[in-house]
Amino acid sequence: MSTFDVPSSQQEPDRVGALCAVLAKERRRHILYALRDADDTAVTVEELVQLLAEQEGADDGGERIERCLYHVSLPTLADAGIIEHDRRSGCVRYRPTPLLERLLAQVTALDQRDL
């Protein structure tokens, strides 16, 4: 192996680590729970804001949450390939993978245990 050869295990992105980093924030987990458990294939940002505002006891009608969703949470989830967010329609779609589903199931169990 030359000095320029990198083992394939080091070339592949750390998908588990990247997903764990995304799941580390409680609000992002609650977004994913809502999308995973939704009856429809898409959920509106407005629906997510209402749900999170209720969960977090927001006293500003969810304005702060909505800003955070548009500027932080949704772009982070989209960049990770976990969701699709259509800003024009305001719809968010969950893009599950087997690895994400396994991790989310484990985190869900931990979150429920903390209640």
PDB file of N, CA and C in Angstrom:
ATOM      1  N   MET A   1       0.858  -1.169   0.000  1.00  0.00           N
ATOM      2  CA  MET A   1       0.000   0.000   0.000  1.00  0.00           C
ATOM      3  C   MET A   1       0.902   1.229   0.000  1.00  0.00           C
ATOM      4  N   SER A   2       0.686   2.111  -0.941  1.00  0.00           N
ATOM      5  CA  SER A   2       1.481   3.339  -1.006  1.00  0.00           C
ATOM      6  C   SER A   2       0.970   4.333   0.027  1.00  0.00           C
ATOM      7  N   THR A   3       1.664   5.425   0.178  1.00  0.00           N
ATOM      8  CA  THR A   3       1.252   6.439   1.151  1.00  0.00           C
ATOM      9  C   THR A   3      -0.050   7.109   0.752  1.00  0.00           C
ATOM     10  N   PHE A   4      -0.459   6.947  -0.514  1.00  0.00           N
ATOM     11  CA  PHE A   4      -1.689   7.571  -0.976  1.00  0.00           C
ATOM     12  C   PHE A   4      -2.895   6.638  -0.900  1.00  0.00           C
ATOM     13  N   ASP A   5      -2.646   5.366  -0.626  1.00  0.00           N
ATOM     14  CA  ASP A   5      -3.745   4.419  -0.519  1.00  0.00           C
ATOM     15  C   ASP A   5      -4.392   4.553   0.855  1.00  0.00           C
ATOM     16  N   VAL A   6      -5.687   4.670   0.851  1.00  0.00           N
ATOM     17  CA  VAL A   6      -6.438   4.776   2.098  1.00  0.00           C
ATOM     18  C   VAL A   6      -7.349   3.561   2.174  1.00  0.00           C
ATOM     19  N   PRO A   7      -7.354   2.844   3.292  1.00  0.00           N
ATOM     20  CA  PRO A   7      -8.251   1.695   3.394  1.00  0.00           C
ATOM     21  C   PRO A   7      -9.692   2.098   3.093  1.00  0.00           C
ATOM     22  N   SER A   8     -10.417   1.193   2.440  1.00  0.00           N
ATOM     23  CA  SER A   8     -11.792   1.531   2.039  1.00  0.00           C
ATOM     24  C   SER A   8     -12.664   1.880   3.234  1.00  0.00           C
ATOM     25  N   SER A   9     -12.401   1.303   4.401  1.00  0.00           N
ATOM     26  CA  SER A   9     -13.204   1.624   5.577  1.00  0.00           C
ATOM     27  C   SER A   9     -13.046   3.083   5.984  1.00  0.00           C
ATOM     28  N   GLN A  10     -11.927   3.686   5.629  1.00  0.00           N
ATOM     29  CA  GLN A  10     -11.715   5.097   5.950  1.00  0.00           C
ATOM     30  C   GLN A  10     -12.198   6.008   4.838  1.00  0.00           C
ATOM     31  N   GLN A  11     -12.427   5.468   3.651  1.00  0.00           N
ATOM     32  CA  GLN A  11     -12.913   6.272   2.536  1.00  0.00           C
ATOM     33  C   GLN A  11     -14.419   6.469   2.608  1.00  0.00           C
ATOM     34  N   GLU A  12     -15.121   5.472   3.118  1.00  0.00           N
ATOM     35  CA  GLU A  12     -16.566   5.550   3.172  1.00  0.00           C
ATOM     36  C   GLU A  12     -16.984   6.509   4.277  1.00  0.00           C
ATOM     37  N   PRO A  13     -17.994   7.293   4.032  1.00  0.00           N
ATOM     38  CA  PRO A  13     -18.442   8.213   5.085  1.00  0.00           C
ATOM     39  C   PRO A  13     -18.967   7.440   6.285  1.00  0.00           C
ATOM     40  N   ASP A  14     -18.836   8.000   7.452  1.00  0.00           N
ATOM     41  CA  ASP A  14     -19.318   7.400   8.689  1.00  0.00           C
ATOM     42  C   ASP A  14     -20.812   7.666   8.792  1.00  0.00           C
ATOM     43  N   ARG A  15     -21.616   6.831   8.139  1.00  0.00           N
ATOM     44  CA  ARG A  15     -23.062   7.045   8.075  1.00  0.00           C
ATOM     45  C   ARG A  15     -23.707   6.941   9.445  1.00  0.00           C
ATOM     46  N   VAL A  16     -23.274   5.980  10.247  1.00  0.00           N
ATOM     47  CA  VAL A  16     -23.847   5.837  11.590  1.00  0.00           C
ATOM     48  C   VAL A  16     -23.547   7.084  12.414  1.00  0.00           C
ATOM     49  N   GLY A  17     -22.312   7.548  12.364  1.00  0.00           N
ATOM     50  CA  GLY A  17     -21.931   8.750  13.104  1.00  0.00           C
ATOM     51  C   GLY A  17     -22.703   9.972  12.641  1.00  0.00           C
ATOM     52  N   ALA A  18     -22.888  10.088  11.330  1.00  0.00           N
ATOM     53  CA  ALA A  18     -23.624  11.239  10.791  1.00  0.00           C
ATOM     54  C   ALA A  18     -25.081  11.203  11.246  1.00  0.00           C
ATOM     55  N   LEU A  19     -25.697  10.031  11.213  1.00  0.00           N
ATOM     56  CA  LEU A  19     -27.088   9.925  11.652  1.00  0.00           C
ATOM     57  C   LEU A  19     -27.222  10.162  13.155  1.00  0.00           C
ATOM     58  N   CYS A  20     -26.260   9.660  13.915  1.00  0.00           N
ATOM     59  CA  CYS A  20     -26.296   9.900  15.371  1.00  0.00           C
ATOM     60  C   CYS A  20     -26.172  11.391  15.677  1.00  0.00           C
ATOM     61  N   ALA A  21     -25.344  12.090  14.916  1.00  0.00           N
ATOM     62  CA  ALA A  21     -25.198  13.536  15.114  1.00  0.00           C
ATOM     63  C   ALA A  21     -26.520  14.243  14.836  1.00  0.00           C
ATOM     64  N   VAL A  22     -27.233  13.819  13.810  1.00  0.00           N
ATOM     65  CA  VAL A  22     -28.527  14.415  13.477  1.00  0.00           C
ATOM     66  C   VAL A  22     -29.553  14.098  14.569  1.00  0.00           C
ATOM     67  N   LEU A  23     -29.533  12.862  15.054  1.00  0.00           N
ATOM     68  CA  LEU A  23     -30.501  12.432  16.066  1.00  0.00           C
ATOM     69  C   LEU A  23     -30.179  12.955  17.463  1.00  0.00           C
ATOM     70  N   ALA A  24     -29.037  13.578  17.629  1.00  0.00           N
ATOM     71  CA  ALA A  24     -28.629  14.070  18.949  1.00  0.00           C
ATOM     72  C   ALA A  24     -29.531  15.194  19.452  1.00  0.00           C
ATOM     73  N   LYS A  25     -30.139  15.931  18.559  1.00  0.00           N
ATOM     74  CA  LYS A  25     -31.014  17.045  18.955  1.00  0.00           C
ATOM     75  C   LYS A  25     -32.459  16.572  19.109  1.00  0.00           C
ATOM     76  N   GLU A  26     -33.021  16.851  20.265  1.00  0.00           N
ATOM     77  CA  GLU A  26     -34.373  16.391  20.583  1.00  0.00           C
ATOM     78  C   GLU A  26     -35.406  16.883  19.578  1.00  0.00           C
ATOM     79  N   ARG A  27     -35.319  18.137  19.168  1.00  0.00           N
ATOM     80  CA  ARG A  27     -36.315  18.674  18.234  1.00  0.00           C
ATOM     81  C   ARG A  27     -36.278  17.913  16.905  1.00  0.00           C
ATOM     82  N   ARG A  28     -35.090  17.599  16.423  1.00  0.00           N
ATOM     83  CA  ARG A  28     -35.003  16.852  15.169  1.00  0.00           C
ATOM     84  C   ARG A  28     -35.589  15.451  15.331  1.00  0.00           C
ATOM     85  N   ARG A  29     -35.380  14.842  16.490  1.00  0.00           N
ATOM     86  CA  ARG A  29     -35.984  13.533  16.729  1.00  0.00           C
ATOM     87  C   ARG A  29     -37.506  13.640  16.708  1.00  0.00           C
ATOM     88  N   HIS A  30     -38.054  14.677  17.331  1.00  0.00           N
ATOM     89  CA  HIS A  30     -39.511  14.840  17.351  1.00  0.00           C
ATOM     90  C   HIS A  30     -40.060  15.096  15.946  1.00  0.00           C
ATOM     91  N   ILE A  31     -39.308  15.792  15.129  1.00  0.00           N
ATOM     92  CA  ILE A  31     -39.712  15.977  13.726  1.00  0.00           C
ATOM     93  C   ILE A  31     -39.768  14.616  13.032  1.00  0.00           C
ATOM     94  N   LEU A  32     -38.739  13.812  13.229  1.00  0.00           N
ATOM     95  CA  LEU A  32     -38.707  12.501  12.581  1.00  0.00           C
ATOM     96  C   LEU A  32     -39.789  11.578  13.116  1.00  0.00           C
ATOM     97  N   TYR A  33     -40.065  11.619  14.413  1.00  0.00           N
ATOM     98  CA  TYR A  33     -41.162  10.815  14.959  1.00  0.00           C
ATOM     99  C   TYR A  33     -42.478  11.201  14.286  1.00  0.00           C
ATOM    100  N   ALA A  34     -42.713  12.503  14.150  1.00  0.00           N
ATOM    101  CA  ALA A  34     -43.956  12.981  13.537  1.00  0.00           C
ATOM    102  C   ALA A  34     -44.060  12.535  12.086  1.00  0.00           C
ATOM    103  N   LEU A  35     -42.960  12.632  11.358  1.00  0.00           N
ATOM    104  CA  LEU A  35     -42.974  12.227   9.952  1.00  0.00           C
ATOM    105  C   LEU A  35     -43.136  10.715   9.823  1.00  0.00           C
ATOM    106  N   ARG A  36     -42.436   9.979  10.657  1.00  0.00           N
ATOM    107  CA  ARG A  36     -42.510   8.512  10.617  1.00  0.00           C
ATOM    108  C   ARG A  36     -43.925   8.022  10.933  1.00  0.00           C
ATOM    109  N   ASP A  37     -44.571   8.655  11.900  1.00  0.00           N
ATOM    110  CA  ASP A  37     -45.876   8.196  12.373  1.00  0.00           C
ATOM    111  C   ASP A  37     -47.053   8.822  11.627  1.00  0.00           C
ATOM    112  N   ALA A  38     -46.788   9.710  10.682  1.00  0.00           N
ATOM    113  CA  ALA A  38     -47.855  10.409   9.957  1.00  0.00           C
ATOM    114  C   ALA A  38     -48.645   9.445   9.075  1.00  0.00           C
ATOM    115  N   ASP A  39     -49.929   9.737   8.946  1.00  0.00           N
ATOM    116  CA  ASP A  39     -50.788   8.947   8.074  1.00  0.00           C
ATOM    117  C   ASP A  39     -50.513   9.245   6.600  1.00  0.00           C
ATOM    118  N   ASP A  40     -50.150  10.485   6.319  1.00  0.00           N
ATOM    119  CA  ASP A  40     -49.885  10.900   4.943  1.00  0.00           C
ATOM    120  C   ASP A  40     -48.409  10.740   4.619  1.00  0.00           C
ATOM    121  N   THR A  41     -48.092  10.774   3.320  1.00  0.00           N
ATOM    122  CA  THR A  41     -46.699  10.668   2.913  1.00  0.00           C
ATOM    123  C   THR A  41     -45.950  11.968   3.127  1.00  0.00           C
ATOM    124  N   ALA A  42     -46.683  13.073   3.230  1.00  0.00           N
ATOM    125  CA  ALA A  42     -46.060  14.375   3.454  1.00  0.00           C
ATOM    126  C   ALA A  42     -46.773  15.095   4.592  1.00  0.00           C
ATOM    127  N   VAL A  43     -46.006  15.869   5.325  1.00  0.00           N
ATOM    128  CA  VAL A  43     -46.525  16.680   6.426  1.00  0.00           C
ATOM    129  C   VAL A  43     -46.135  18.119   6.125  1.00  0.00           C
ATOM    130  N   THR A  44     -47.009  19.056   6.418  1.00  0.00           N
ATOM    131  CA  THR A  44     -46.665  20.454   6.178  1.00  0.00           C
ATOM    132  C   THR A  44     -45.804  20.985   7.325  1.00  0.00           C
ATOM    133  N   VAL A  45     -45.029  21.998   7.005  1.00  0.00           N
ATOM    134  CA  VAL A  45     -44.226  22.655   8.033  1.00  0.00           C
ATOM    135  C   VAL A  45     -45.150  23.220   9.110  1.00  0.00           C
ATOM    136  N   GLU A  46     -46.284  23.741   8.691  1.00  0.00           N
ATOM    137  CA  GLU A  46     -47.259  24.282   9.643  1.00  0.00           C
ATOM    138  C   GLU A  46     -47.698  23.216  10.652  1.00  0.00           C
ATOM    139  N   GLU A  47     -47.953  22.007  10.172  1.00  0.00           N
ATOM    140  CA  GLU A  47     -48.331  20.911  11.073  1.00  0.00           C
ATOM    141  C   GLU A  47     -47.207  20.583  12.048  1.00  0.00           C
ATOM    142  N   LEU A  48     -45.976  20.585  11.543  1.00  0.00           N
ATOM    143  CA  LEU A  48     -44.828  20.321  12.417  1.00  0.00           C
ATOM    144  C   LEU A  48     -44.686  21.414  13.469  1.00  0.00           C
ATOM    145  N   VAL A  49     -44.859  22.650  13.059  1.00  0.00           N
ATOM    146  CA  VAL A  49     -44.763  23.774  14.007  1.00  0.00           C
ATOM    147  C   VAL A  49     -45.810  23.616  15.099  1.00  0.00           C
ATOM    148  N   GLN A  50     -47.048  23.315  14.731  1.00  0.00           N
ATOM    149  CA  GLN A  50     -48.118  23.151  15.726  1.00  0.00           C
ATOM    150  C   GLN A  50     -47.798  22.033  16.702  1.00  0.00           C
ATOM    151  N   LEU A  51     -47.335  20.915  16.185  1.00  0.00           N
ATOM    152  CA  LEU A  51     -47.000  19.775  17.032  1.00  0.00           C
ATOM    153  C   LEU A  51     -45.870  20.114  18.001  1.00  0.00           C
ATOM    154  N   LEU A  52     -44.800  20.717  17.478  1.00  0.00           N
ATOM    155  CA  LEU A  52     -43.658  21.062  18.321  1.00  0.00           C
ATOM    156  C   LEU A  52     -44.012  22.149  19.330  1.00  0.00           C
ATOM    157  N   ALA A  53     -44.837  23.103  18.922  1.00  0.00           N
ATOM    158  CA  ALA A  53     -45.248  24.168  19.837  1.00  0.00           C
ATOM    159  C   ALA A  53     -46.020  23.589  21.017  1.00  0.00           C
ATOM    160  N   GLU A  54     -46.873  22.610  20.747  1.00  0.00           N
ATOM    161  CA  GLU A  54     -47.611  21.951  21.829  1.00  0.00           C
ATOM    162  C   GLU A  54     -46.659  21.185  22.742  1.00  0.00           C
ATOM    163  N   GLN A  55     -45.732  20.452  22.146  1.00  0.00           N
ATOM    164  CA  GLN A  55     -44.798  19.644  22.933  1.00  0.00           C
ATOM    165  C   GLN A  55     -43.878  20.505  23.784  1.00  0.00           C
ATOM    166  N   GLU A  56     -43.453  21.624  23.224  1.00  0.00           N
ATOM    167  CA  GLU A  56     -42.478  22.469  23.903  1.00  0.00           C
ATOM    168  C   GLU A  56     -43.119  23.575  24.736  1.00  0.00           C
ATOM    169  N   GLY A  57     -44.444  23.689  24.653  1.00  0.00           N
ATOM    170  CA  GLY A  57     -45.126  24.740  25.402  1.00  0.00           C
ATOM    171  C   GLY A  57     -44.745  26.134  24.948  1.00  0.00           C
ATOM    172  N   ALA A  58     -44.617  26.315  23.640  1.00  0.00           N
ATOM    173  CA  ALA A  58     -44.229  27.616  23.081  1.00  0.00           C
ATOM    174  C   ALA A  58     -45.293  28.663  23.385  1.00  0.00           C
ATOM    175  N   ASP A  59     -44.838  29.837  23.821  1.00  0.00           N
ATOM    176  CA  ASP A  59     -45.776  30.900  24.157  1.00  0.00           C
ATOM    177  C   ASP A  59     -45.840  31.989  23.090  1.00  0.00           C
ATOM    178  N   ASP A  60     -45.150  31.787  21.979  1.00  0.00           N
ATOM    179  CA  ASP A  60     -45.150  32.785  20.910  1.00  0.00           C
ATOM    180  C   ASP A  60     -45.907  32.309  19.672  1.00  0.00           C
ATOM    181  N   GLY A  61     -46.745  31.281  19.842  1.00  0.00           N
ATOM    182  CA  GLY A  61     -47.496  30.755  18.708  1.00  0.00           C
ATOM    183  C   GLY A  61     -46.651  29.922  17.763  1.00  0.00           C
ATOM    184  N   GLY A  62     -45.455  29.576  18.169  1.00  0.00           N
ATOM    185  CA  GLY A  62     -44.583  28.750  17.351  1.00  0.00           C
ATOM    186  C   GLY A  62     -43.707  29.514  16.377  1.00  0.00           C
ATOM    187  N   GLU A  63     -43.676  30.838  16.475  1.00  0.00           N
ATOM    188  CA  GLU A  63     -42.867  31.632  15.535  1.00  0.00           C
ATOM    189  C   GLU A  63     -41.380  31.282  15.627  1.00  0.00           C
ATOM    190  N   ARG A  64     -40.876  31.156  16.840  1.00  0.00           N
ATOM    191  CA  ARG A  64     -39.467  30.815  17.033  1.00  0.00           C
ATOM    192  C   ARG A  64     -39.169  29.413  16.480  1.00  0.00           C
ATOM    193  N   ILE A  65     -40.093  28.498  16.727  1.00  0.00           N
ATOM    194  CA  ILE A  65     -39.935  27.128  16.231  1.00  0.00           C
ATOM    195  C   ILE A  65     -39.937  27.111  14.709  1.00  0.00           C
ATOM    196  N   GLU A  66     -40.850  27.869  14.104  1.00  0.00           N
ATOM    197  CA  GLU A  66     -40.923  27.915  12.641  1.00  0.00           C
ATOM    198  C   GLU A  66     -39.617  28.436  12.039  1.00  0.00           C
ATOM    199  N   ARG A  67     -39.065  29.501  12.622  1.00  0.00           N
ATOM    200  CA  ARG A  67     -37.780  30.028  12.135  1.00  0.00           C
ATOM    201  C   ARG A  67     -36.682  28.978  12.252  1.00  0.00           C
ATOM    202  N   CYS A  68     -36.655  28.295  13.386  1.00  0.00           N
ATOM    203  CA  CYS A  68     -35.643  27.264  13.605  1.00  0.00           C
ATOM    204  C   CYS A  68     -35.806  26.115  12.610  1.00  0.00           C
ATOM    205  N   LEU A  69     -37.043  25.736  12.338  1.00  0.00           N
ATOM    206  CA  LEU A  69     -37.276  24.664  11.361  1.00  0.00           C
ATOM    207  C   LEU A  69     -36.744  25.062   9.988  1.00  0.00           C
ATOM    208  N   TYR A  70     -37.130  26.260   9.531  1.00  0.00           N
ATOM    209  CA  TYR A  70     -36.723  26.698   8.192  1.00  0.00           C
ATOM    210  C   TYR A  70     -35.218  26.920   8.057  1.00  0.00           C
ATOM    211  N   HIS A  71     -34.588  27.415   9.105  1.00  0.00           N
ATOM    212  CA  HIS A  71     -33.185  27.808   8.992  1.00  0.00           C
ATOM    213  C   HIS A  71     -32.186  26.794   9.530  1.00  0.00           C
ATOM    214  N   VAL A  72     -32.643  25.862  10.400  1.00  0.00           N
ATOM    215  CA  VAL A  72     -31.697  24.937  11.016  1.00  0.00           C
ATOM    216  C   VAL A  72     -32.135  23.474  10.848  1.00  0.00           C
ATOM    217  N   SER A  73     -33.241  23.112  11.468  1.00  0.00           N
ATOM    218  CA  SER A  73     -33.619  21.700  11.571  1.00  0.00           C
ATOM    219  C   SER A  73     -33.901  21.043  10.215  1.00  0.00           C
ATOM    220  N   LEU A  74     -34.756  21.638   9.420  1.00  0.00           N
ATOM    221  CA  LEU A  74     -35.095  21.027   8.133  1.00  0.00           C
ATOM    222  C   LEU A  74     -33.906  20.981   7.179  1.00  0.00           C
ATOM    223  N   PRO A  75     -33.094  22.046   7.064  1.00  0.00           N
ATOM    224  CA  PRO A  75     -31.902  21.930   6.216  1.00  0.00           C
ATOM    225  C   PRO A  75     -30.928  20.846   6.697  1.00  0.00           C
ATOM    226  N   THR A  76     -30.787  20.706   8.009  1.00  0.00           N
ATOM    227  CA  THR A  76     -29.894  19.675   8.538  1.00  0.00           C
ATOM    228  C   THR A  76     -30.405  18.289   8.173  1.00  0.00           C
ATOM    229  N   LEU A  77     -31.693  18.063   8.342  1.00  0.00           N
ATOM    230  CA  LEU A  77     -32.279  16.761   7.998  1.00  0.00           C
ATOM    231  C   LEU A  77     -32.223  16.499   6.491  1.00  0.00           C
ATOM    232  N   ALA A  78     -32.451  17.534   5.702  1.00  0.00           N
ATOM    233  CA  ALA A  78     -32.382  17.384   4.241  1.00  0.00           C
ATOM    234  C   ALA A  78     -30.955  17.105   3.788  1.00  0.00           C
ATOM    235  N   ASP A  79     -29.994  17.811   4.351  1.00  0.00           N
ATOM    236  CA  ASP A  79     -28.583  17.588   3.990  1.00  0.00           C
ATOM    237  C   ASP A  79     -28.134  16.172   4.332  1.00  0.00           C
ATOM    238  N   ALA A  80     -28.717  15.597   5.387  1.00  0.00           N
ATOM    239  CA  ALA A  80     -28.384  14.237   5.789  1.00  0.00           C
ATOM    240  C   ALA A  80     -29.116  13.193   4.937  1.00  0.00           C
ATOM    241  N   GLY A  81     -30.014  13.650   4.058  1.00  0.00           N
ATOM    242  CA  GLY A  81     -30.748  12.738   3.192  1.00  0.00           C
ATOM    243  C   GLY A  81     -31.902  12.037   3.875  1.00  0.00           C
ATOM    244  N   ILE A  82     -32.338  12.568   5.015  1.00  0.00           N
ATOM    245  CA  ILE A  82     -33.384  11.933   5.806  1.00  0.00           C
ATOM    246  C   ILE A  82     -34.777  12.412   5.396  1.00  0.00           C
ATOM    247  N   ILE A  83     -34.864  13.636   4.922  1.00  0.00           N
ATOM    248  CA  ILE A  83     -36.142  14.199   4.496  1.00  0.00           C
ATOM    249  C   ILE A  83     -35.982  14.885   3.153  1.00  0.00           C
ATOM    250  N   GLU A  84     -37.114  15.152   2.538  1.00  0.00           N
ATOM    251  CA  GLU A  84     -37.199  16.063   1.390  1.00  0.00           C
ATOM    252  C   GLU A  84     -38.079  17.207   1.845  1.00  0.00           C
ATOM    253  N   HIS A  85     -37.640  18.422   1.604  1.00  0.00           N
ATOM    254  CA  HIS A  85     -38.422  19.599   1.999  1.00  0.00           C
ATOM    255  C   HIS A  85     -38.644  20.463   0.774  1.00  0.00           C
ATOM    256  N   ASP A  86     -39.899  20.613   0.401  1.00  0.00           N
ATOM    257  CA  ASP A  86     -40.274  21.477  -0.714  1.00  0.00           C
ATOM    258  C   ASP A  86     -40.726  22.808  -0.118  1.00  0.00           C
ATOM    259  N   ARG A  87     -39.869  23.804  -0.224  1.00  0.00           N
ATOM    260  CA  ARG A  87     -40.173  25.106   0.383  1.00  0.00           C
ATOM    261  C   ARG A  87     -41.390  25.770  -0.255  1.00  0.00           C
ATOM    262  N   ARG A  88     -41.602  25.543  -1.549  1.00  0.00           N
ATOM    263  CA  ARG A  88     -42.749  26.190  -2.209  1.00  0.00           C
ATOM    264  C   ARG A  88     -44.080  25.647  -1.693  1.00  0.00           C
ATOM    265  N   SER A  89     -44.164  24.338  -1.546  1.00  0.00           N
ATOM    266  CA  SER A  89     -45.429  23.762  -1.076  1.00  0.00           C
ATOM    267  C   SER A  89     -45.499  23.693   0.444  1.00  0.00           C
ATOM    268  N   GLY A  90     -44.343  23.801   1.090  1.00  0.00           N
ATOM    269  CA  GLY A  90     -44.305  23.693   2.544  1.00  0.00           C
ATOM    270  C   GLY A  90     -44.414  22.266   3.045  1.00  0.00           C
ATOM    271  N   CYS A  91     -44.207  21.294   2.152  1.00  0.00           N
ATOM    272  CA  CYS A  91     -44.337  19.885   2.521  1.00  0.00           C
ATOM    273  C   CYS A  91     -42.981  19.270   2.854  1.00  0.00           C
ATOM    274  N   VAL A  92     -43.024  18.361   3.804  1.00  0.00           N
ATOM    275  CA  VAL A  92     -41.834  17.630   4.225  1.00  0.00           C
ATOM    276  C   VAL A  92     -42.149  16.146   4.108  1.00  0.00           C
ATOM    277  N   ARG A  93     -41.247  15.399   3.463  1.00  0.00           N
ATOM    278  CA  ARG A  93     -41.416  13.950   3.301  1.00  0.00           C
ATOM    279  C   ARG A  93     -40.261  13.223   3.975  1.00  0.00           C
ATOM    280  N   TYR A  94     -40.581  12.167   4.668  1.00  0.00           N
ATOM    281  CA  TYR A  94     -39.613  11.321   5.350  1.00  0.00           C
ATOM    282  C   TYR A  94     -39.028  10.332   4.354  1.00  0.00           C
ATOM    283  N   ARG A  95     -37.706  10.159   4.384  1.00  0.00           N
ATOM    284  CA  ARG A  95     -37.013   9.231   3.497  1.00  0.00           C
ATOM    285  C   ARG A  95     -36.290   8.190   4.348  1.00  0.00           C
ATOM    286  N   PRO A  96     -37.017   7.191   4.830  1.00  0.00           N
ATOM    287  CA  PRO A  96     -36.402   6.220   5.731  1.00  0.00           C
ATOM    288  C   PRO A  96     -35.433   5.281   5.014  1.00  0.00           C
ATOM    289  N   THR A  97     -34.439   4.848   5.741  1.00  0.00           N
ATOM    290  CA  THR A  97     -33.541   3.787   5.300  1.00  0.00           C
ATOM    291  C   THR A  97     -33.531   2.743   6.409  1.00  0.00           C
ATOM    292  N   PRO A  98     -33.123   1.529   6.107  1.00  0.00           N
ATOM    293  CA  PRO A  98     -33.074   0.513   7.167  1.00  0.00           C
ATOM    294  C   PRO A  98     -32.193   0.941   8.351  1.00  0.00           C
ATOM    295  N   LEU A  99     -31.049   1.545   8.077  1.00  0.00           N
ATOM    296  CA  LEU A  99     -30.166   1.992   9.155  1.00  0.00           C
ATOM    297  C   LEU A  99     -30.830   3.083   9.991  1.00  0.00           C
ATOM    298  N   LEU A 100     -31.427   4.054   9.343  1.00  0.00           N
ATOM    299  CA  LEU A 100     -32.116   5.125  10.065  1.00  0.00           C
ATOM    300  C   LEU A 100     -33.254   4.564  10.907  1.00  0.00           C
ATOM    301  N   GLU A 101     -34.025   3.654  10.350  1.00  0.00           N
ATOM    302  CA  GLU A 101     -35.146   3.077  11.087  1.00  0.00           C
ATOM    303  C   GLU A 101     -34.656   2.331  12.331  1.00  0.00           C
ATOM    304  N   ARG A 102     -33.552   1.590  12.212  1.00  0.00           N
ATOM    305  CA  ARG A 102     -33.007   0.877  13.385  1.00  0.00           C
ATOM    306  C   ARG A 102     -32.543   1.860  14.446  1.00  0.00           C
ATOM    307  N   LEU A 103     -31.818   2.891  14.031  1.00  0.00           N
ATOM    308  CA  LEU A 103     -31.339   3.892  14.990  1.00  0.00           C
ATOM    309  C   LEU A 103     -32.498   4.640  15.640  1.00  0.00           C
ATOM    310  N   LEU A 104     -33.476   5.020  14.832  1.00  0.00           N
ATOM    311  CA  LEU A 104     -34.617   5.764  15.358  1.00  0.00           C
ATOM    312  C   LEU A 104     -35.425   4.910  16.343  1.00  0.00           C
ATOM    313  N   ALA A 105     -35.533   3.618  16.074  1.00  0.00           N
ATOM    314  CA  ALA A 105     -36.238   2.724  17.001  1.00  0.00           C
ATOM    315  C   ALA A 105     -35.521   2.675  18.347  1.00  0.00           C
ATOM    316  N   GLN A 106     -34.205   2.620  18.316  1.00  0.00           N
ATOM    317  CA  GLN A 106     -33.427   2.589  19.556  1.00  0.00           C
ATOM    318  C   GLN A 106     -33.562   3.901  20.324  1.00  0.00           C
ATOM    319  N   VAL A 107     -33.475   5.002  19.608  1.00  0.00           N
ATOM    320  CA  VAL A 107     -33.581   6.318  20.251  1.00  0.00           C
ATOM    321  C   VAL A 107     -34.993   6.535  20.788  1.00  0.00           C
ATOM    322  N   THR A 108     -35.994   6.063  20.055  1.00  0.00           N
ATOM    323  CA  THR A 108     -37.378   6.183  20.513  1.00  0.00           C
ATOM    324  C   THR A 108     -37.539   5.452  21.846  1.00  0.00           C
ATOM    325  N   ALA A 109     -36.986   4.258  21.944  1.00  0.00           N
ATOM    326  CA  ALA A 109     -37.083   3.491  23.181  1.00  0.00           C
ATOM    327  C   ALA A 109     -36.402   4.240  24.329  1.00  0.00           C
ATOM    328  N   LEU A 110     -35.261   4.846  24.052  1.00  0.00           N
ATOM    329  CA  LEU A 110     -34.562   5.619  25.089  1.00  0.00           C
ATOM    330  C   LEU A 110     -35.356   6.859  25.488  1.00  0.00           C
ATOM    331  N   ASP A 111     -35.917   7.555  24.506  1.00  0.00           N
ATOM    332  CA  ASP A 111     -36.720   8.743  24.795  1.00  0.00           C
ATOM    333  C   ASP A 111     -37.938   8.386  25.636  1.00  0.00           C
ATOM    334  N   GLN A 112     -38.590   7.285  25.311  1.00  0.00           N
ATOM    335  CA  GLN A 112     -39.779   6.868  26.056  1.00  0.00           C
ATOM    336  C   GLN A 112     -39.426   6.426  27.468  1.00  0.00           C
ATOM    337  N   ARG A 113     -38.261   5.869  27.634  1.00  0.00           N
ATOM    338  CA  ARG A 113     -37.822   5.430  28.955  1.00  0.00           C
ATOM    339  C   ARG A 113     -37.557   6.631  29.867  1.00  0.00           C
ATOM    340  N   ASP A 114     -37.138   7.739  29.269  1.00  0.00           N
ATOM    341  CA  ASP A 114     -36.846   8.956  30.053  1.00  0.00           C
ATOM    342  C   ASP A 114     -38.095   9.690  30.495  1.00  0.00           C
ATOM    343  N   LEU A 115     -39.261   9.342  29.943  1.00  0.00           N
ATOM    344  CA  LEU A 115     -40.501  10.053  30.292  1.00  0.00           C
ATOM    345  C   LEU A 115     -40.948   9.760  31.685  1.00  0.00           C
TER     346      LEU A 115
END
